[in-house]
Amino acid sequence: MPNKLSCLTCLPPHDIENSIKVGELLTLVLYDQNFQPVLPAGGNGKCVVVVRVEDGYLCKIESVFSDHFKRFVRPHGKLLPGSVVLLGSLSHLAAKGLAIYAKALVGSMSTLKWWDRELVSCRLSPSPWVAWAGRM
């Protein structure tokens, strides 16, 4: 992941860190390589930030969030209350099975909540097209 967080889907491209600093709500998708790389941008900085981690288990995805967003979460940061993080990993689910994945997902979501109690974190189920594509 690059050091500078930039949105490349909005026209014109904008700096994600600057959007956070000026107090805009953030919608962030933390997933492995099985999530689509880009979601259509609504423009004017109201985009969904997609961070994909190659073969990322939840603990690795969690550390990527920590490395790049820790300075923006409480008590030091400025993520606007109500910012949303969607979290998941099809790689982890496929490798470890549902029971172990579910336990790890609860742990990762608890960690996100520990970093910032006003951050809304939600599990993100694998998209249907990934399940369908795997049958081909």
N, C-alpha and C. Protein backbone atom coordinates (compact mmCIF):
# COMPACT_ATOMS: atom_id res chain seq x y z
N MET A 1 0.85 -1.18 0.00
CA MET A 1 0.00 0.00 0.00
C MET A 1 0.89 1.24 0.00
N PRO A 2 0.57 2.21 -0.84
CA PRO A 2 1.41 3.40 -0.89
C PRO A 2 1.34 4.21 0.39
N ASN A 3 2.38 5.01 0.62
CA ASN A 3 2.40 5.86 1.82
C ASN A 3 1.37 6.97 1.74
N LYS A 4 1.12 7.50 0.55
CA LYS A 4 0.15 8.57 0.38
C LYS A 4 -1.19 7.95 -0.01
N LEU A 5 -2.22 8.29 0.71
CA LEU A 5 -3.55 7.75 0.45
C LEU A 5 -4.28 8.69 -0.51
N SER A 6 -4.42 8.26 -1.75
CA SER A 6 -5.06 9.08 -2.76
C SER A 6 -6.20 8.32 -3.40
N CYS A 7 -7.27 9.05 -3.71
CA CYS A 7 -8.39 8.47 -4.45
C CYS A 7 -8.12 8.69 -5.93
N LEU A 8 -8.15 7.61 -6.67
CA LEU A 8 -7.90 7.69 -8.11
C LEU A 8 -9.18 7.51 -8.91
N THR A 9 -10.32 7.33 -8.26
CA THR A 9 -11.56 7.12 -8.99
C THR A 9 -12.36 8.40 -9.17
N CYS A 10 -12.17 9.36 -8.28
CA CYS A 10 -12.88 10.64 -8.41
C CYS A 10 -12.17 11.52 -9.42
N LEU A 11 -12.94 12.34 -10.09
CA LEU A 11 -12.37 13.34 -10.98
C LEU A 11 -12.67 14.71 -10.42
N PRO A 12 -11.72 15.50 -10.06
CA PRO A 12 -10.29 15.18 -10.09
C PRO A 12 -9.91 14.30 -8.90
N PRO A 13 -8.79 13.56 -9.02
CA PRO A 13 -8.31 12.76 -7.88
C PRO A 13 -8.06 13.65 -6.67
N HIS A 14 -8.25 13.09 -5.49
CA HIS A 14 -8.04 13.89 -4.28
C HIS A 14 -7.29 13.09 -3.24
N ASP A 15 -6.77 13.79 -2.25
CA ASP A 15 -5.98 13.22 -1.18
C ASP A 15 -6.92 12.77 -0.06
N ILE A 16 -6.92 11.48 0.26
CA ILE A 16 -7.79 10.93 1.30
C ILE A 16 -7.45 11.54 2.65
N GLU A 17 -6.16 11.69 2.94
CA GLU A 17 -5.75 12.26 4.22
C GLU A 17 -6.29 13.68 4.39
N ASN A 18 -6.29 14.45 3.32
CA ASN A 18 -6.82 15.81 3.40
C ASN A 18 -8.32 15.77 3.65
N SER A 19 -9.03 14.83 3.03
CA SER A 19 -10.48 14.69 3.26
C SER A 19 -10.75 14.39 4.73
N ILE A 20 -9.92 13.55 5.34
CA ILE A 20 -10.08 13.21 6.75
C ILE A 20 -9.80 14.44 7.61
N LYS A 21 -8.73 15.16 7.27
CA LYS A 21 -8.34 16.32 8.07
C LYS A 21 -9.39 17.43 8.07
N VAL A 22 -10.13 17.56 6.97
CA VAL A 22 -11.16 18.60 6.93
C VAL A 22 -12.50 18.11 7.50
N GLY A 23 -12.53 16.86 7.98
CA GLY A 23 -13.69 16.37 8.70
C GLY A 23 -14.76 15.70 7.87
N GLU A 24 -14.41 15.11 6.74
CA GLU A 24 -15.40 14.41 5.93
C GLU A 24 -15.57 12.99 6.46
N LEU A 25 -16.80 12.49 6.38
CA LEU A 25 -17.06 11.09 6.73
C LEU A 25 -16.29 10.19 5.79
N LEU A 26 -15.80 9.09 6.31
CA LEU A 26 -15.01 8.15 5.52
C LEU A 26 -15.74 6.82 5.47
N THR A 27 -15.85 6.26 4.27
CA THR A 27 -16.31 4.89 4.11
C THR A 27 -15.14 4.11 3.56
N LEU A 28 -14.70 3.11 4.33
CA LEU A 28 -13.48 2.38 4.03
C LEU A 28 -13.78 0.89 3.95
N VAL A 29 -13.35 0.26 2.88
CA VAL A 29 -13.48 -1.19 2.72
C VAL A 29 -12.10 -1.80 2.91
N LEU A 30 -11.97 -2.67 3.90
CA LEU A 30 -10.72 -3.41 4.15
C LEU A 30 -10.99 -4.87 3.79
N TYR A 31 -10.34 -5.37 2.76
CA TYR A 31 -10.63 -6.72 2.28
C TYR A 31 -9.37 -7.31 1.67
N ASP A 32 -9.46 -8.56 1.26
CA ASP A 32 -8.34 -9.18 0.55
C ASP A 32 -8.52 -8.90 -0.94
N GLN A 33 -7.75 -9.61 -1.77
CA GLN A 33 -7.76 -9.36 -3.21
C GLN A 33 -9.07 -9.74 -3.87
N ASN A 34 -9.98 -10.40 -3.16
CA ASN A 34 -11.23 -10.85 -3.75
C ASN A 34 -12.31 -9.78 -3.82
N PHE A 35 -12.03 -8.60 -3.30
CA PHE A 35 -13.00 -7.50 -3.41
C PHE A 35 -12.67 -6.69 -4.66
N GLN A 36 -13.69 -6.15 -5.28
CA GLN A 36 -13.43 -5.35 -6.48
C GLN A 36 -12.55 -4.15 -6.13
N PRO A 37 -11.60 -3.82 -6.99
CA PRO A 37 -10.62 -2.79 -6.67
C PRO A 37 -11.17 -1.37 -6.62
N VAL A 38 -12.23 -1.12 -7.35
CA VAL A 38 -12.76 0.23 -7.44
C VAL A 38 -14.29 0.17 -7.39
N LEU A 39 -14.86 1.05 -6.60
CA LEU A 39 -16.30 1.25 -6.64
C LEU A 39 -16.55 2.58 -7.33
N PRO A 40 -17.61 2.69 -8.12
CA PRO A 40 -17.85 3.94 -8.83
C PRO A 40 -17.89 5.12 -7.86
N ALA A 41 -17.21 6.18 -8.24
CA ALA A 41 -17.13 7.36 -7.40
C ALA A 41 -18.35 8.25 -7.62
N GLY A 42 -18.82 8.84 -6.52
CA GLY A 42 -19.92 9.78 -6.61
C GLY A 42 -19.42 11.18 -6.90
N GLY A 43 -18.11 11.37 -6.91
CA GLY A 43 -17.54 12.68 -7.16
C GLY A 43 -17.41 13.48 -5.88
N ASN A 44 -16.91 14.65 -5.98
CA ASN A 44 -16.69 15.62 -4.90
C ASN A 44 -16.21 14.99 -3.58
N GLY A 45 -15.35 13.99 -3.66
CA GLY A 45 -14.74 13.43 -2.47
C GLY A 45 -15.62 12.48 -1.68
N LYS A 46 -16.80 12.16 -2.16
CA LYS A 46 -17.71 11.25 -1.45
C LYS A 46 -17.55 9.84 -2.00
N CYS A 47 -16.35 9.34 -1.97
CA CYS A 47 -16.07 8.03 -2.55
C CYS A 47 -15.93 6.98 -1.45
N VAL A 48 -15.87 5.74 -1.89
CA VAL A 48 -15.60 4.62 -0.99
C VAL A 48 -14.13 4.25 -1.18
N VAL A 49 -13.38 4.27 -0.10
CA VAL A 49 -11.96 3.95 -0.15
C VAL A 49 -11.82 2.43 -0.02
N VAL A 50 -11.24 1.80 -1.03
CA VAL A 50 -11.05 0.35 -1.03
C VAL A 50 -9.57 0.06 -0.80
N VAL A 51 -9.28 -0.67 0.28
CA VAL A 51 -7.91 -1.10 0.58
C VAL A 51 -7.91 -2.62 0.51
N ARG A 52 -7.18 -3.15 -0.48
CA ARG A 52 -7.10 -4.60 -0.65
C ARG A 52 -5.72 -5.09 -0.25
N VAL A 53 -5.69 -6.20 0.48
CA VAL A 53 -4.44 -6.79 0.95
C VAL A 53 -4.33 -8.17 0.33
N GLU A 54 -3.31 -8.38 -0.48
CA GLU A 54 -3.13 -9.65 -1.17
C GLU A 54 -3.03 -10.81 -0.19
N ASP A 55 -3.89 -11.81 -0.35
CA ASP A 55 -3.96 -12.99 0.53
C ASP A 55 -4.03 -12.60 2.01
N GLY A 56 -4.71 -11.51 2.28
CA GLY A 56 -4.76 -10.98 3.64
C GLY A 56 -5.73 -11.70 4.54
N TYR A 57 -5.19 -12.29 5.61
CA TYR A 57 -6.05 -12.76 6.69
C TYR A 57 -6.48 -11.53 7.48
N LEU A 58 -7.47 -11.68 8.30
CA LEU A 58 -8.02 -10.54 9.03
C LEU A 58 -6.97 -9.82 9.87
N CYS A 59 -6.08 -10.57 10.52
CA CYS A 59 -5.06 -9.93 11.36
C CYS A 59 -4.11 -9.07 10.52
N LYS A 60 -3.79 -9.50 9.30
CA LYS A 60 -2.93 -8.70 8.43
C LYS A 60 -3.67 -7.45 7.94
N ILE A 61 -4.93 -7.60 7.59
CA ILE A 61 -5.74 -6.47 7.14
C ILE A 61 -5.87 -5.46 8.27
N GLU A 62 -6.07 -5.97 9.47
CA GLU A 62 -6.15 -5.12 10.66
C GLU A 62 -4.86 -4.33 10.86
N SER A 63 -3.71 -4.96 10.63
CA SER A 63 -2.44 -4.25 10.80
C SER A 63 -2.24 -3.19 9.72
N VAL A 64 -2.75 -3.43 8.52
CA VAL A 64 -2.69 -2.41 7.46
C VAL A 64 -3.51 -1.20 7.89
N PHE A 65 -4.69 -1.44 8.46
CA PHE A 65 -5.50 -0.33 8.96
C PHE A 65 -4.73 0.43 10.04
N SER A 66 -4.14 -0.31 10.95
CA SER A 66 -3.38 0.31 12.03
C SER A 66 -2.23 1.16 11.48
N ASP A 67 -1.47 0.59 10.54
CA ASP A 67 -0.31 1.30 9.99
C ASP A 67 -0.70 2.59 9.29
N HIS A 68 -1.81 2.58 8.56
CA HIS A 68 -2.14 3.72 7.72
C HIS A 68 -3.21 4.65 8.28
N PHE A 69 -3.98 4.19 9.25
CA PHE A 69 -5.07 5.02 9.74
C PHE A 69 -5.01 5.30 11.24
N LYS A 70 -4.04 4.72 11.95
CA LYS A 70 -3.98 4.88 13.40
C LYS A 70 -3.92 6.35 13.81
N ARG A 71 -3.21 7.14 13.05
CA ARG A 71 -3.09 8.55 13.43
C ARG A 71 -4.39 9.32 13.23
N PHE A 72 -5.38 8.69 12.59
CA PHE A 72 -6.66 9.36 12.37
C PHE A 72 -7.75 8.90 13.32
N VAL A 73 -7.47 7.91 14.19
CA VAL A 73 -8.49 7.44 15.12
C VAL A 73 -8.19 7.96 16.52
N ARG A 74 -9.18 7.93 17.36
CA ARG A 74 -9.08 8.50 18.71
C ARG A 74 -8.06 7.72 19.53
N PRO A 75 -7.40 8.31 20.48
CA PRO A 75 -7.59 9.66 21.00
C PRO A 75 -6.83 10.73 20.21
N HIS A 76 -5.98 10.33 19.25
CA HIS A 76 -5.13 11.30 18.57
C HIS A 76 -5.73 11.83 17.28
N GLY A 77 -6.66 11.09 16.70
CA GLY A 77 -7.07 11.39 15.35
C GLY A 77 -8.34 12.18 15.20
N LYS A 78 -8.77 12.25 13.95
CA LYS A 78 -9.87 13.11 13.61
C LYS A 78 -10.90 12.42 12.72
N LEU A 79 -10.96 11.09 12.71
CA LEU A 79 -12.00 10.46 11.91
C LEU A 79 -13.35 10.92 12.44
N LEU A 80 -14.17 11.40 11.56
CA LEU A 80 -15.46 11.93 11.96
C LEU A 80 -16.33 10.82 12.53
N PRO A 81 -16.99 11.06 13.66
CA PRO A 81 -17.90 10.04 14.20
C PRO A 81 -18.92 9.65 13.14
N GLY A 82 -19.12 8.36 12.99
CA GLY A 82 -20.03 7.86 11.97
C GLY A 82 -19.31 7.37 10.72
N SER A 83 -17.98 7.53 10.68
CA SER A 83 -17.22 6.94 9.58
C SER A 83 -17.39 5.42 9.65
N VAL A 84 -17.38 4.77 8.50
CA VAL A 84 -17.70 3.35 8.41
C VAL A 84 -16.52 2.56 7.87
N VAL A 85 -16.24 1.42 8.50
CA VAL A 85 -15.25 0.48 8.01
C VAL A 85 -15.95 -0.84 7.75
N LEU A 86 -15.83 -1.34 6.52
CA LEU A 86 -16.36 -2.65 6.15
C LEU A 86 -15.18 -3.60 6.05
N LEU A 87 -15.29 -4.75 6.71
CA LEU A 87 -14.14 -5.63 6.89
C LEU A 87 -14.47 -7.05 6.48
N GLY A 88 -13.54 -7.72 5.81
CA GLY A 88 -13.74 -9.12 5.47
C GLY A 88 -12.52 -9.68 4.76
N SER A 89 -12.50 -11.02 4.61
CA SER A 89 -11.41 -11.69 3.90
C SER A 89 -11.88 -13.06 3.43
N LEU A 90 -12.08 -13.17 2.13
CA LEU A 90 -12.46 -14.46 1.58
C LEU A 90 -11.29 -15.45 1.67
N SER A 91 -10.05 -14.95 1.59
CA SER A 91 -8.87 -15.82 1.72
C SER A 91 -8.86 -16.50 3.08
N HIS A 92 -9.14 -15.73 4.13
CA HIS A 92 -9.16 -16.26 5.50
C HIS A 92 -10.30 -17.27 5.65
N LEU A 93 -11.47 -16.91 5.15
CA LEU A 93 -12.62 -17.80 5.24
C LEU A 93 -12.36 -19.12 4.53
N ALA A 94 -11.80 -19.06 3.31
CA ALA A 94 -11.55 -20.27 2.54
C ALA A 94 -10.48 -21.15 3.19
N ALA A 95 -9.46 -20.52 3.78
CA ALA A 95 -8.35 -21.30 4.35
C ALA A 95 -8.69 -21.90 5.71
N LYS A 96 -9.46 -21.20 6.53
CA LYS A 96 -9.66 -21.63 7.91
C LYS A 96 -11.05 -22.16 8.21
N GLY A 97 -12.02 -21.90 7.35
CA GLY A 97 -13.37 -22.37 7.60
C GLY A 97 -14.19 -21.34 8.37
N LEU A 98 -15.48 -21.53 8.36
CA LEU A 98 -16.41 -20.55 8.90
C LEU A 98 -16.26 -20.31 10.40
N ALA A 99 -16.12 -21.36 11.19
CA ALA A 99 -16.07 -21.19 12.65
C ALA A 99 -14.85 -20.36 13.08
N ILE A 100 -13.69 -20.69 12.56
CA ILE A 100 -12.48 -19.95 12.93
C ILE A 100 -12.53 -18.54 12.37
N TYR A 101 -13.02 -18.40 11.12
CA TYR A 101 -13.14 -17.07 10.51
C TYR A 101 -14.08 -16.18 11.31
N ALA A 102 -15.22 -16.73 11.72
CA ALA A 102 -16.19 -15.93 12.47
C ALA A 102 -15.58 -15.42 13.78
N LYS A 103 -14.84 -16.27 14.46
CA LYS A 103 -14.19 -15.86 15.71
C LYS A 103 -13.16 -14.76 15.44
N ALA A 104 -12.37 -14.91 14.38
CA ALA A 104 -11.37 -13.90 14.03
C ALA A 104 -12.03 -12.59 13.62
N LEU A 105 -13.16 -12.68 12.92
CA LEU A 105 -13.87 -11.48 12.48
C LEU A 105 -14.41 -10.69 13.67
N VAL A 106 -14.96 -11.40 14.65
CA VAL A 106 -15.44 -10.72 15.86
C VAL A 106 -14.27 -10.04 16.57
N GLY A 107 -13.14 -10.72 16.63
CA GLY A 107 -11.96 -10.13 17.26
C GLY A 107 -11.47 -8.89 16.53
N SER A 108 -11.43 -8.95 15.21
CA SER A 108 -10.97 -7.79 14.42
C SER A 108 -11.93 -6.62 14.55
N MET A 109 -13.22 -6.91 14.56
CA MET A 109 -14.19 -5.82 14.69
C MET A 109 -14.11 -5.20 16.09
N SER A 110 -13.83 -6.02 17.09
CA SER A 110 -13.65 -5.49 18.45
C SER A 110 -12.41 -4.60 18.52
N THR A 111 -11.35 -4.99 17.83
CA THR A 111 -10.14 -4.18 17.80
C THR A 111 -10.40 -2.84 17.14
N LEU A 112 -11.13 -2.84 16.02
CA LEU A 112 -11.48 -1.57 15.37
C LEU A 112 -12.28 -0.69 16.32
N LYS A 113 -13.19 -1.29 17.04
CA LYS A 113 -14.01 -0.53 18.00
C LYS A 113 -13.14 0.00 19.13
N TRP A 114 -12.12 -0.76 19.53
CA TRP A 114 -11.22 -0.33 20.59
C TRP A 114 -10.43 0.89 20.14
N TRP A 115 -10.01 0.90 18.86
CA TRP A 115 -9.27 2.04 18.35
C TRP A 115 -10.11 3.31 18.35
N ASP A 116 -11.38 3.17 18.04
CA ASP A 116 -12.25 4.35 17.96
C ASP A 116 -13.69 3.91 18.20
N ARG A 117 -14.22 4.23 19.38
CA ARG A 117 -15.57 3.80 19.74
C ARG A 117 -16.66 4.39 18.85
N GLU A 118 -16.37 5.51 18.20
CA GLU A 118 -17.38 6.13 17.35
C GLU A 118 -17.29 5.69 15.90
N LEU A 119 -16.35 4.79 15.62
CA LEU A 119 -16.20 4.23 14.29
C LEU A 119 -17.21 3.11 14.12
N VAL A 120 -17.94 3.11 13.03
CA VAL A 120 -18.92 2.05 12.76
C VAL A 120 -18.20 0.98 11.96
N SER A 121 -18.10 -0.24 12.51
CA SER A 121 -17.46 -1.33 11.77
C SER A 121 -18.49 -2.41 11.50
N CYS A 122 -18.45 -2.94 10.28
CA CYS A 122 -19.41 -3.97 9.85
C CYS A 122 -18.67 -5.06 9.12
N ARG A 123 -19.17 -6.26 9.25
CA ARG A 123 -18.58 -7.35 8.47
C ARG A 123 -19.05 -7.20 7.04
N LEU A 124 -18.22 -7.60 6.12
CA LEU A 124 -18.55 -7.54 4.71
C LEU A 124 -18.51 -8.96 4.18
N SER A 125 -19.66 -9.48 3.82
CA SER A 125 -19.74 -10.84 3.30
C SER A 125 -19.10 -10.90 1.92
N PRO A 126 -18.60 -12.07 1.53
CA PRO A 126 -18.05 -12.20 0.18
C PRO A 126 -19.12 -11.84 -0.84
N SER A 127 -18.71 -11.14 -1.87
CA SER A 127 -19.69 -10.74 -2.88
C SER A 127 -20.16 -11.95 -3.66
N PRO A 128 -21.42 -11.96 -4.09
CA PRO A 128 -21.97 -13.12 -4.80
C PRO A 128 -21.21 -13.48 -6.06
N TRP A 129 -20.64 -12.50 -6.76
CA TRP A 129 -19.95 -12.81 -8.00
C TRP A 129 -18.70 -13.63 -7.74
N VAL A 130 -18.07 -13.48 -6.57
CA VAL A 130 -16.89 -14.27 -6.24
C VAL A 130 -17.29 -15.73 -6.05
N ALA A 131 -18.38 -15.97 -5.33
CA ALA A 131 -18.86 -17.34 -5.12
C ALA A 131 -19.26 -17.98 -6.45
N TRP A 132 -19.91 -17.20 -7.31
CA TRP A 132 -20.35 -17.72 -8.59
C TRP A 132 -19.16 -18.03 -9.49
N ALA A 133 -18.17 -17.13 -9.50
CA ALA A 133 -17.00 -17.30 -10.37
C ALA A 133 -16.19 -18.53 -9.95
N GLY A 134 -16.22 -18.88 -8.68
CA GLY A 134 -15.47 -20.03 -8.20
C GLY A 134 -16.02 -21.36 -8.68
N ARG A 135 -17.25 -21.37 -9.20
CA ARG A 135 -17.87 -22.61 -9.67
C ARG A 135 -17.53 -22.91 -11.13
N MET A 136 -16.90 -21.97 -11.79
CA MET A 136 -16.60 -22.14 -13.21
C MET A 136 -15.37 -22.97 -13.43
